[in-house]
Amino acid sequence: MQLFFNKKVIKITSNNSNSYQVCCDTGLAVDCDFIFWVTQASAPSWITDCGLKTDNREFILVNNNLQSISNINIFAAGDIATIQNTSCPKAGVFAV
């Protein structure tokens, strides 16, 4: 098993029904049977579409009571929200 970090994948092709090739912008091409995508959390587009106040990454901005800063009748928690004036990472247990 090999791990590759901080690579920009530009294409994945299927060699056959059980094998894939992952191609990176550096020219690296890796043949593999399984692919595990490990990425950072990202906010869904509906958050900004509904007009809620967000942080700079477009997650719902909430106060310490998990209420939306722009509408106290809306609550958000976990990876979809950012508690104002904190720096908790968005990953599983840390987000809760």
PDB file of N, CA and C in Angstrom:
ATOM      1  N   MET A   1       0.839  -1.171   0.000  1.00  0.00           N
ATOM      2  CA  MET A   1       0.000   0.000   0.000  1.00  0.00           C
ATOM      3  C   MET A   1       0.887   1.238   0.000  1.00  0.00           C
ATOM      4  N   GLN A   2       0.482   2.238  -0.777  1.00  0.00           N
ATOM      5  CA  GLN A   2       1.179   3.509  -0.813  1.00  0.00           C
ATOM      6  C   GLN A   2       0.189   4.620  -0.513  1.00  0.00           C
ATOM      7  N   LEU A   3       0.667   5.656   0.158  1.00  0.00           N
ATOM      8  CA  LEU A   3      -0.144   6.833   0.418  1.00  0.00           C
ATOM      9  C   LEU A   3       0.467   8.015  -0.312  1.00  0.00           C
ATOM     10  N   PHE A   4      -0.376   8.833  -0.911  1.00  0.00           N
ATOM     11  CA  PHE A   4       0.069  10.037  -1.595  1.00  0.00           C
ATOM     12  C   PHE A   4      -0.663  11.217  -0.982  1.00  0.00           C
ATOM     13  N   PHE A   5       0.082  12.232  -0.582  1.00  0.00           N
ATOM     14  CA  PHE A   5      -0.504  13.396   0.070  1.00  0.00           C
ATOM     15  C   PHE A   5      -0.380  14.633  -0.818  1.00  0.00           C
ATOM     16  N   ASN A   6      -1.339  15.525  -0.680  1.00  0.00           N
ATOM     17  CA  ASN A   6      -1.304  16.829  -1.334  1.00  0.00           C
ATOM     18  C   ASN A   6      -1.106  16.730  -2.840  1.00  0.00           C
ATOM     19  N   LYS A   7      -1.808  15.824  -3.462  1.00  0.00           N
ATOM     20  CA  LYS A   7      -1.769  15.673  -4.919  1.00  0.00           C
ATOM     21  C   LYS A   7      -3.076  16.180  -5.497  1.00  0.00           C
ATOM     22  N   LYS A   8      -3.006  16.814  -6.647  1.00  0.00           N
ATOM     23  CA  LYS A   8      -4.209  17.295  -7.321  1.00  0.00           C
ATOM     24  C   LYS A   8      -4.603  16.274  -8.386  1.00  0.00           C
ATOM     25  N   VAL A   9      -5.709  15.578  -8.134  1.00  0.00           N
ATOM     26  CA  VAL A   9      -6.208  14.576  -9.074  1.00  0.00           C
ATOM     27  C   VAL A   9      -6.948  15.297 -10.190  1.00  0.00           C
ATOM     28  N   ILE A  10      -6.602  14.966 -11.422  1.00  0.00           N
ATOM     29  CA  ILE A  10      -7.270  15.590 -12.560  1.00  0.00           C
ATOM     30  C   ILE A  10      -8.165  14.622 -13.325  1.00  0.00           C
ATOM     31  N   LYS A  11      -7.943  13.309 -13.099  1.00  0.00           N
ATOM     32  CA  LYS A  11      -8.740  12.335 -13.848  1.00  0.00           C
ATOM     33  C   LYS A  11      -8.634  10.966 -13.182  1.00  0.00           C
ATOM     34  N   ILE A  12      -9.731  10.207 -13.235  1.00  0.00           N
ATOM     35  CA  ILE A  12      -9.728   8.807 -12.819  1.00  0.00           C
ATOM     36  C   ILE A  12     -10.327   8.019 -13.968  1.00  0.00           C
ATOM     37  N   THR A  13      -9.619   6.993 -14.374  1.00  0.00           N
ATOM     38  CA  THR A  13     -10.124   6.143 -15.455  1.00  0.00           C
ATOM     39  C   THR A  13     -10.304   4.726 -14.941  1.00  0.00           C
ATOM     40  N   SER A  14     -11.203   4.012 -15.569  1.00  0.00           N
ATOM     41  CA  SER A  14     -11.444   2.614 -15.208  1.00  0.00           C
ATOM     42  C   SER A  14     -10.729   1.734 -16.222  1.00  0.00           C
ATOM     43  N   ASN A  15      -9.774   0.932 -15.728  1.00  0.00           N
ATOM     44  CA  ASN A  15      -9.039   0.019 -16.610  1.00  0.00           C
ATOM     45  C   ASN A  15      -9.877  -1.203 -16.947  1.00  0.00           C
ATOM     46  N   ASN A  16     -10.642  -1.654 -16.005  1.00  0.00           N
ATOM     47  CA  ASN A  16     -11.610  -2.739 -16.187  1.00  0.00           C
ATOM     48  C   ASN A  16     -12.577  -2.668 -15.016  1.00  0.00           C
ATOM     49  N   SER A  17     -13.377  -3.671 -14.799  1.00  0.00           N
ATOM     50  CA  SER A  17     -14.396  -3.595 -13.750  1.00  0.00           C
ATOM     51  C   SER A  17     -13.830  -3.572 -12.338  1.00  0.00           C
ATOM     52  N   ASN A  18     -12.571  -3.944 -12.140  1.00  0.00           N
ATOM     53  CA  ASN A  18     -12.016  -4.008 -10.785  1.00  0.00           C
ATOM     54  C   ASN A  18     -10.761  -3.177 -10.588  1.00  0.00           C
ATOM     55  N   SER A  19     -10.413  -2.324 -11.550  1.00  0.00           N
ATOM     56  CA  SER A  19      -9.174  -1.586 -11.436  1.00  0.00           C
ATOM     57  C   SER A  19      -9.347  -0.166 -11.974  1.00  0.00           C
ATOM     58  N   TYR A  20      -8.612   0.762 -11.373  1.00  0.00           N
ATOM     59  CA  TYR A  20      -8.708   2.170 -11.753  1.00  0.00           C
ATOM     60  C   TYR A  20      -7.313   2.758 -11.894  1.00  0.00           C
ATOM     61  N   GLN A  21      -7.230   3.872 -12.590  1.00  0.00           N
ATOM     62  CA  GLN A  21      -5.986   4.629 -12.640  1.00  0.00           C
ATOM     63  C   GLN A  21      -6.304   6.068 -12.240  1.00  0.00           C
ATOM     64  N   VAL A  22      -5.566   6.539 -11.233  1.00  0.00           N
ATOM     65  CA  VAL A  22      -5.716   7.908 -10.751  1.00  0.00           C
ATOM     66  C   VAL A  22      -4.579   8.725 -11.362  1.00  0.00           C
ATOM     67  N   CYS A  23      -4.928   9.801 -12.068  1.00  0.00           N
ATOM     68  CA  CYS A  23      -3.942  10.643 -12.741  1.00  0.00           C
ATOM     69  C   CYS A  23      -3.877  12.008 -12.068  1.00  0.00           C
ATOM     70  N   CYS A  24      -2.651  12.454 -11.777  1.00  0.00           N
ATOM     71  CA  CYS A  24      -2.437  13.733 -11.104  1.00  0.00           C
ATOM     72  C   CYS A  24      -1.849  14.752 -12.075  1.00  0.00           C
ATOM     73  N   ASP A  25      -1.954  16.029 -11.703  1.00  0.00           N
ATOM     74  CA  ASP A  25      -1.462  17.091 -12.584  1.00  0.00           C
ATOM     75  C   ASP A  25       0.050  17.091 -12.728  1.00  0.00           C
ATOM     76  N   THR A  26       0.764  16.374 -11.874  1.00  0.00           N
ATOM     77  CA  THR A  26       2.229  16.280 -11.966  1.00  0.00           C
ATOM     78  C   THR A  26       2.681  15.188 -12.916  1.00  0.00           C
ATOM     79  N   GLY A  27       1.719  14.427 -13.468  1.00  0.00           N
ATOM     80  CA  GLY A  27       2.059  13.306 -14.341  1.00  0.00           C
ATOM     81  C   GLY A  27       2.034  11.967 -13.619  1.00  0.00           C
ATOM     82  N   LEU A  28       1.921  12.009 -12.298  1.00  0.00           N
ATOM     83  CA  LEU A  28       1.824  10.779 -11.520  1.00  0.00           C
ATOM     84  C   LEU A  28       0.554  10.034 -11.922  1.00  0.00           C
ATOM     85  N   ALA A  29       0.690   8.741 -12.237  1.00  0.00           N
ATOM     86  CA  ALA A  29      -0.459   7.885 -12.547  1.00  0.00           C
ATOM     87  C   ALA A  29      -0.350   6.641 -11.680  1.00  0.00           C
ATOM     88  N   VAL A  30      -1.388   6.370 -10.910  1.00  0.00           N
ATOM     89  CA  VAL A  30      -1.356   5.266  -9.956  1.00  0.00           C
ATOM     90  C   VAL A  30      -2.465   4.276 -10.284  1.00  0.00           C
ATOM     91  N   ASP A  31      -2.081   3.013 -10.511  1.00  0.00           N
ATOM     92  CA  ASP A  31      -3.064   1.956 -10.713  1.00  0.00           C
ATOM     93  C   ASP A  31      -3.520   1.460  -9.345  1.00  0.00           C
ATOM     94  N   CYS A  32      -4.831   1.256  -9.190  1.00  0.00           N
ATOM     95  CA  CYS A  32      -5.326   0.818  -7.892  1.00  0.00           C
ATOM     96  C   CYS A  32      -6.641   0.053  -8.027  1.00  0.00           C
ATOM     97  N   ASP A  33      -6.913  -0.736  -7.003  1.00  0.00           N
ATOM     98  CA  ASP A  33      -8.160  -1.496  -6.941  1.00  0.00           C
ATOM     99  C   ASP A  33      -9.215  -0.760  -6.124  1.00  0.00           C
ATOM    100  N   PHE A  34      -8.779   0.052  -5.164  1.00  0.00           N
ATOM    101  CA  PHE A  34      -9.681   0.796  -4.300  1.00  0.00           C
ATOM    102  C   PHE A  34      -9.203   2.243  -4.208  1.00  0.00           C
ATOM    103  N   ILE A  35     -10.145   3.164  -4.087  1.00  0.00           N
ATOM    104  CA  ILE A  35      -9.815   4.579  -3.945  1.00  0.00           C
ATOM    105  C   ILE A  35     -10.512   5.115  -2.702  1.00  0.00           C
ATOM    106  N   PHE A  36      -9.762   5.784  -1.833  1.00  0.00           N
ATOM    107  CA  PHE A  36     -10.315   6.437  -0.652  1.00  0.00           C
ATOM    108  C   PHE A  36     -10.077   7.930  -0.804  1.00  0.00           C
ATOM    109  N   TRP A  37     -11.155   8.705  -0.922  1.00  0.00           N
ATOM    110  CA  TRP A  37     -11.039  10.158  -1.024  1.00  0.00           C
ATOM    111  C   TRP A  37     -11.003  10.723   0.386  1.00  0.00           C
ATOM    112  N   VAL A  38      -9.967  11.457   0.716  1.00  0.00           N
ATOM    113  CA  VAL A  38      -9.848  12.103   2.015  1.00  0.00           C
ATOM    114  C   VAL A  38      -9.715  13.595   1.748  1.00  0.00           C
ATOM    115  N   THR A  39     -10.753  14.338   2.089  1.00  0.00           N
ATOM    116  CA  THR A  39     -10.784  15.770   1.777  1.00  0.00           C
ATOM    117  C   THR A  39     -11.253  16.563   2.985  1.00  0.00           C
ATOM    118  N   GLN A  40     -11.161  17.854   2.878  1.00  0.00           N
ATOM    119  CA  GLN A  40     -11.694  18.731   3.915  1.00  0.00           C
ATOM    120  C   GLN A  40     -13.198  18.859   3.725  1.00  0.00           C
ATOM    121  N   ALA A  41     -13.857  19.274   4.788  1.00  0.00           N
ATOM    122  CA  ALA A  41     -15.292  19.531   4.696  1.00  0.00           C
ATOM    123  C   ALA A  41     -15.526  20.736   3.795  1.00  0.00           C
ATOM    124  N   SER A  42     -16.644  20.716   3.084  1.00  0.00           N
ATOM    125  CA  SER A  42     -17.023  21.876   2.274  1.00  0.00           C
ATOM    126  C   SER A  42     -18.515  22.125   2.463  1.00  0.00           C
ATOM    127  N   ALA A  43     -18.878  23.373   2.389  1.00  0.00           N
ATOM    128  CA  ALA A  43     -20.267  23.763   2.627  1.00  0.00           C
ATOM    129  C   ALA A  43     -21.120  23.518   1.383  1.00  0.00           C
ATOM    130  N   PRO A  44     -22.343  23.016   1.554  1.00  0.00           N
ATOM    131  CA  PRO A  44     -23.244  22.863   0.412  1.00  0.00           C
ATOM    132  C   PRO A  44     -23.745  24.229  -0.067  1.00  0.00           C
ATOM    133  N   SER A  45     -24.072  24.337  -1.333  1.00  0.00           N
ATOM    134  CA  SER A  45     -24.453  25.630  -1.912  1.00  0.00           C
ATOM    135  C   SER A  45     -25.770  26.177  -1.367  1.00  0.00           C
ATOM    136  N   TRP A  46     -26.642  25.314  -0.835  1.00  0.00           N
ATOM    137  CA  TRP A  46     -27.942  25.801  -0.364  1.00  0.00           C
ATOM    138  C   TRP A  46     -27.810  26.789   0.791  1.00  0.00           C
ATOM    139  N   ILE A  47     -26.704  26.730   1.524  1.00  0.00           N
ATOM    140  CA  ILE A  47     -26.529  27.632   2.665  1.00  0.00           C
ATOM    141  C   ILE A  47     -26.507  29.087   2.192  1.00  0.00           C
ATOM    142  N   THR A  48     -25.685  29.393   1.225  1.00  0.00           N
ATOM    143  CA  THR A  48     -25.642  30.774   0.733  1.00  0.00           C
ATOM    144  C   THR A  48     -26.884  31.106  -0.077  1.00  0.00           C
ATOM    145  N   ASP A  49     -27.476  30.120  -0.730  1.00  0.00           N
ATOM    146  CA  ASP A  49     -28.699  30.356  -1.509  1.00  0.00           C
ATOM    147  C   ASP A  49     -29.856  30.825  -0.630  1.00  0.00           C
ATOM    148  N   CYS A  50     -29.894  30.392   0.643  1.00  0.00           N
ATOM    149  CA  CYS A  50     -31.018  30.789   1.513  1.00  0.00           C
ATOM    150  C   CYS A  50     -30.713  32.053   2.321  1.00  0.00           C
ATOM    151  N   GLY A  51     -29.535  32.627   2.123  1.00  0.00           N
ATOM    152  CA  GLY A  51     -29.247  33.930   2.709  1.00  0.00           C
ATOM    153  C   GLY A  51     -28.757  33.943   4.139  1.00  0.00           C
ATOM    154  N   LEU A  52     -28.373  32.808   4.687  1.00  0.00           N
ATOM    155  CA  LEU A  52     -27.847  32.784   6.055  1.00  0.00           C
ATOM    156  C   LEU A  52     -26.448  33.381   6.097  1.00  0.00           C
ATOM    157  N   LYS A  53     -26.118  34.039   7.200  1.00  0.00           N
ATOM    158  CA  LYS A  53     -24.775  34.590   7.365  1.00  0.00           C
ATOM    159  C   LYS A  53     -23.797  33.429   7.513  1.00  0.00           C
ATOM    160  N   THR A  54     -22.663  33.536   6.841  1.00  0.00           N
ATOM    161  CA  THR A  54     -21.684  32.450   6.834  1.00  0.00           C
ATOM    162  C   THR A  54     -20.295  32.959   7.212  1.00  0.00           C
ATOM    163  N   ASP A  55     -19.408  31.998   7.476  1.00  0.00           N
ATOM    164  CA  ASP A  55     -18.003  32.349   7.678  1.00  0.00           C
ATOM    165  C   ASP A  55     -17.353  32.489   6.295  1.00  0.00           C
ATOM    166  N   ASN A  56     -16.042  32.662   6.249  1.00  0.00           N
ATOM    167  CA  ASN A  56     -15.362  32.848   4.966  1.00  0.00           C
ATOM    168  C   ASN A  56     -15.318  31.595   4.097  1.00  0.00           C
ATOM    169  N   ARG A  57     -15.677  30.422   4.650  1.00  0.00           N
ATOM    170  CA  ARG A  57     -15.728  29.186   3.851  1.00  0.00           C
ATOM    171  C   ARG A  57     -17.175  28.791   3.528  1.00  0.00           C
ATOM    172  N   GLU A  58     -18.125  29.663   3.839  1.00  0.00           N
ATOM    173  CA  GLU A  58     -19.548  29.517   3.536  1.00  0.00           C
ATOM    174  C   GLU A  58     -20.283  28.491   4.400  1.00  0.00           C
ATOM    175  N   PHE A  59     -19.775  28.238   5.615  1.00  0.00           N
ATOM    176  CA  PHE A  59     -20.493  27.439   6.600  1.00  0.00           C
ATOM    177  C   PHE A  59     -21.380  28.374   7.416  1.00  0.00           C
ATOM    178  N   ILE A  60     -22.505  27.875   7.922  1.00  0.00           N
ATOM    179  CA  ILE A  60     -23.428  28.695   8.698  1.00  0.00           C
ATOM    180  C   ILE A  60     -22.723  29.217   9.945  1.00  0.00           C
ATOM    181  N   LEU A  61     -22.764  30.513  10.137  1.00  0.00           N
ATOM    182  CA  LEU A  61     -22.140  31.134  11.295  1.00  0.00           C
ATOM    183  C   LEU A  61     -23.139  31.142  12.443  1.00  0.00           C
ATOM    184  N   VAL A  62     -22.749  30.528  13.586  1.00  0.00           N
ATOM    185  CA  VAL A  62     -23.649  30.410  14.731  1.00  0.00           C
ATOM    186  C   VAL A  62     -23.001  30.994  15.986  1.00  0.00           C
ATOM    187  N   ASN A  63     -23.850  31.288  16.988  1.00  0.00           N
ATOM    188  CA  ASN A  63     -23.343  31.750  18.281  1.00  0.00           C
ATOM    189  C   ASN A  63     -23.072  30.536  19.184  1.00  0.00           C
ATOM    190  N   ASN A  64     -22.722  30.771  20.434  1.00  0.00           N
ATOM    191  CA  ASN A  64     -22.396  29.670  21.354  1.00  0.00           C
ATOM    192  C   ASN A  64     -23.587  28.768  21.663  1.00  0.00           C
ATOM    193  N   ASN A  65     -24.805  29.242  21.364  1.00  0.00           N
ATOM    194  CA  ASN A  65     -26.013  28.427  21.550  1.00  0.00           C
ATOM    195  C   ASN A  65     -26.408  27.683  20.279  1.00  0.00           C
ATOM    196  N   LEU A  66     -25.536  27.726  19.280  1.00  0.00           N
ATOM    197  CA  LEU A  66     -25.727  27.074  17.976  1.00  0.00           C
ATOM    198  C   LEU A  66     -26.856  27.698  17.162  1.00  0.00           C
ATOM    199  N   GLN A  67     -27.199  28.951  17.462  1.00  0.00           N
ATOM    200  CA  GLN A  67     -28.205  29.690  16.706  1.00  0.00           C
ATOM    201  C   GLN A  67     -27.516  30.458  15.579  1.00  0.00           C
ATOM    202  N   SER A  68     -28.152  30.468  14.438  1.00  0.00           N
ATOM    203  CA  SER A  68     -27.637  31.255  13.321  1.00  0.00           C
ATOM    204  C   SER A  68     -27.490  32.709  13.741  1.00  0.00           C
ATOM    205  N   ILE A  69     -26.376  33.328  13.369  1.00  0.00           N
ATOM    206  CA  ILE A  69     -26.136  34.736  13.668  1.00  0.00           C
ATOM    207  C   ILE A  69     -27.177  35.616  12.969  1.00  0.00           C
ATOM    208  N   SER A  70     -27.654  35.177  11.805  1.00  0.00           N
ATOM    209  CA  SER A  70     -28.590  36.006  11.044  1.00  0.00           C
ATOM    210  C   SER A  70     -30.054  35.664  11.296  1.00  0.00           C
ATOM    211  N   ASN A  71     -30.341  34.525  11.956  1.00  0.00           N
ATOM    212  CA  ASN A  71     -31.727  34.155  12.267  1.00  0.00           C
ATOM    213  C   ASN A  71     -31.708  33.234  13.478  1.00  0.00           C
ATOM    214  N   ILE A  72     -32.035  33.762  14.657  1.00  0.00           N
ATOM    215  CA  ILE A  72     -31.922  32.979  15.902  1.00  0.00           C
ATOM    216  C   ILE A  72     -32.902  31.811  15.976  1.00  0.00           C
ATOM    217  N   ASN A  73     -33.842  31.724  15.043  1.00  0.00           N
ATOM    218  CA  ASN A  73     -34.773  30.589  15.006  1.00  0.00           C
ATOM    219  C   ASN A  73     -34.202  29.392  14.249  1.00  0.00           C
ATOM    220  N   ILE A  74     -33.022  29.558  13.672  1.00  0.00           N
ATOM    221  CA  ILE A  74     -32.359  28.467  12.943  1.00  0.00           C
ATOM    222  C   ILE A  74     -31.138  28.034  13.739  1.00  0.00           C
ATOM    223  N   PHE A  75     -31.040  26.723  13.979  1.00  0.00           N
ATOM    224  CA  PHE A  75     -29.915  26.147  14.698  1.00  0.00           C
ATOM    225  C   PHE A  75     -29.089  25.290  13.741  1.00  0.00           C
ATOM    226  N   ALA A  76     -27.796  25.263  13.944  1.00  0.00           N
ATOM    227  CA  ALA A  76     -26.917  24.426  13.121  1.00  0.00           C
ATOM    228  C   ALA A  76     -25.779  23.915  13.994  1.00  0.00           C
ATOM    229  N   ALA A  77     -25.343  22.694  13.720  1.00  0.00           N
ATOM    230  CA  ALA A  77     -24.245  22.091  14.482  1.00  0.00           C
ATOM    231  C   ALA A  77     -23.467  21.146  13.586  1.00  0.00           C
ATOM    232  N   GLY A  78     -22.280  20.768  14.034  1.00  0.00           N
ATOM    233  CA  GLY A  78     -21.464  19.828  13.282  1.00  0.00           C
ATOM    234  C   GLY A  78     -20.711  20.519  12.165  1.00  0.00           C
ATOM    235  N   ASP A  79     -20.359  19.765  11.141  1.00  0.00           N
ATOM    236  CA  ASP A  79     -19.535  20.294  10.061  1.00  0.00           C
ATOM    237  C   ASP A  79     -20.225  21.346   9.211  1.00  0.00           C
ATOM    238  N   ILE A  80     -21.533  21.503   9.334  1.00  0.00           N
ATOM    239  CA  ILE A  80     -22.249  22.498   8.527  1.00  0.00           C
ATOM    240  C   ILE A  80     -22.167  23.893   9.131  1.00  0.00           C
ATOM    241  N   ALA A  81     -21.680  23.991  10.376  1.00  0.00           N
ATOM    242  CA  ALA A  81     -21.688  25.264  11.094  1.00  0.00           C
ATOM    243  C   ALA A  81     -20.303  25.638  11.606  1.00  0.00           C
ATOM    244  N   THR A  82     -20.126  26.934  11.818  1.00  0.00           N
ATOM    245  CA  THR A  82     -18.931  27.463  12.469  1.00  0.00           C
ATOM    246  C   THR A  82     -19.383  28.314  13.645  1.00  0.00           C
ATOM    247  N   ILE A  83     -18.892  28.000  14.830  1.00  0.00           N
ATOM    248  CA  ILE A  83     -19.214  28.801  16.007  1.00  0.00           C
ATOM    249  C   ILE A  83     -18.362  30.065  15.954  1.00  0.00           C
ATOM    250  N   GLN A  84     -19.028  31.216  16.004  1.00  0.00           N
ATOM    251  CA  GLN A  84     -18.353  32.504  15.896  1.00  0.00           C
ATOM    252  C   GLN A  84     -17.243  32.623  16.934  1.00  0.00           C
ATOM    253  N   ASN A  85     -16.105  33.136  16.523  1.00  0.00           N
ATOM    254  CA  ASN A  85     -14.935  33.376  17.378  1.00  0.00           C
ATOM    255  C   ASN A  85     -14.300  32.108  17.936  1.00  0.00           C
ATOM    256  N   THR A  86     -14.425  30.992  17.229  1.00  0.00           N
ATOM    257  CA  THR A  86     -13.726  29.756  17.599  1.00  0.00           C
ATOM    258  C   THR A  86     -12.945  29.242  16.396  1.00  0.00           C
ATOM    259  N   SER A  87     -12.112  28.268  16.625  1.00  0.00           N
ATOM    260  CA  SER A  87     -11.317  27.702  15.531  1.00  0.00           C
ATOM    261  C   SER A  87     -11.311  26.178  15.573  1.00  0.00           C
ATOM    262  N   CYS A  88     -12.464  25.563  15.834  1.00  0.00           N
ATOM    263  CA  CYS A  88     -12.558  24.104  15.879  1.00  0.00           C
ATOM    264  C   CYS A  88     -12.440  23.527  14.472  1.00  0.00           C
ATOM    265  N   PRO A  89     -11.622  22.487  14.274  1.00  0.00           N
ATOM    266  CA  PRO A  89     -11.535  21.870  12.954  1.00  0.00           C
ATOM    267  C   PRO A  89     -12.851  21.180  12.582  1.00  0.00           C
ATOM    268  N   LYS A  90     -13.108  21.046  11.297  1.00  0.00           N
ATOM    269  CA  LYS A  90     -14.326  20.413  10.815  1.00  0.00           C
ATOM    270  C   LYS A  90     -14.018  18.973  10.439  1.00  0.00           C
ATOM    271  N   ALA A  91     -14.087  18.103  11.427  1.00  0.00           N
ATOM    272  CA  ALA A  91     -13.811  16.704  11.179  1.00  0.00           C
ATOM    273  C   ALA A  91     -14.370  15.861  12.308  1.00  0.00           C
ATOM    274  N   GLY A  92     -15.480  15.199  12.061  1.00  0.00           N
ATOM    275  CA  GLY A  92     -16.046  14.241  13.010  1.00  0.00           C
ATOM    276  C   GLY A  92     -16.244  14.778  14.409  1.00  0.00           C
ATOM    277  N   VAL A  93     -15.611  14.148  15.390  1.00  0.00           N
ATOM    278  CA  VAL A  93     -15.820  14.431  16.797  1.00  0.00           C
ATOM    279  C   VAL A  93     -15.471  15.870  17.153  1.00  0.00           C
ATOM    280  N   PHE A  94     -14.431  16.441  16.537  1.00  0.00           N
ATOM    281  CA  PHE A  94     -14.025  17.808  16.860  1.00  0.00           C
ATOM    282  C   PHE A  94     -15.140  18.798  16.557  1.00  0.00           C
ATOM    283  N   ALA A  95     -15.920  18.519  15.506  1.00  0.00           N
ATOM    284  CA  ALA A  95     -16.987  19.437  15.106  1.00  0.00           C
ATOM    285  C   ALA A  95     -18.155  19.410  16.067  1.00  0.00           C
ATOM    286  N   VAL A  96     -18.355  18.315  16.761  1.00  0.00           N
ATOM    287  CA  VAL A  96     -19.476  18.186  17.688  1.00  0.00           C
ATOM    288  C   VAL A  96     -19.050  18.738  18.992  1.00  0.00           C
TER     289      VAL A  96
END
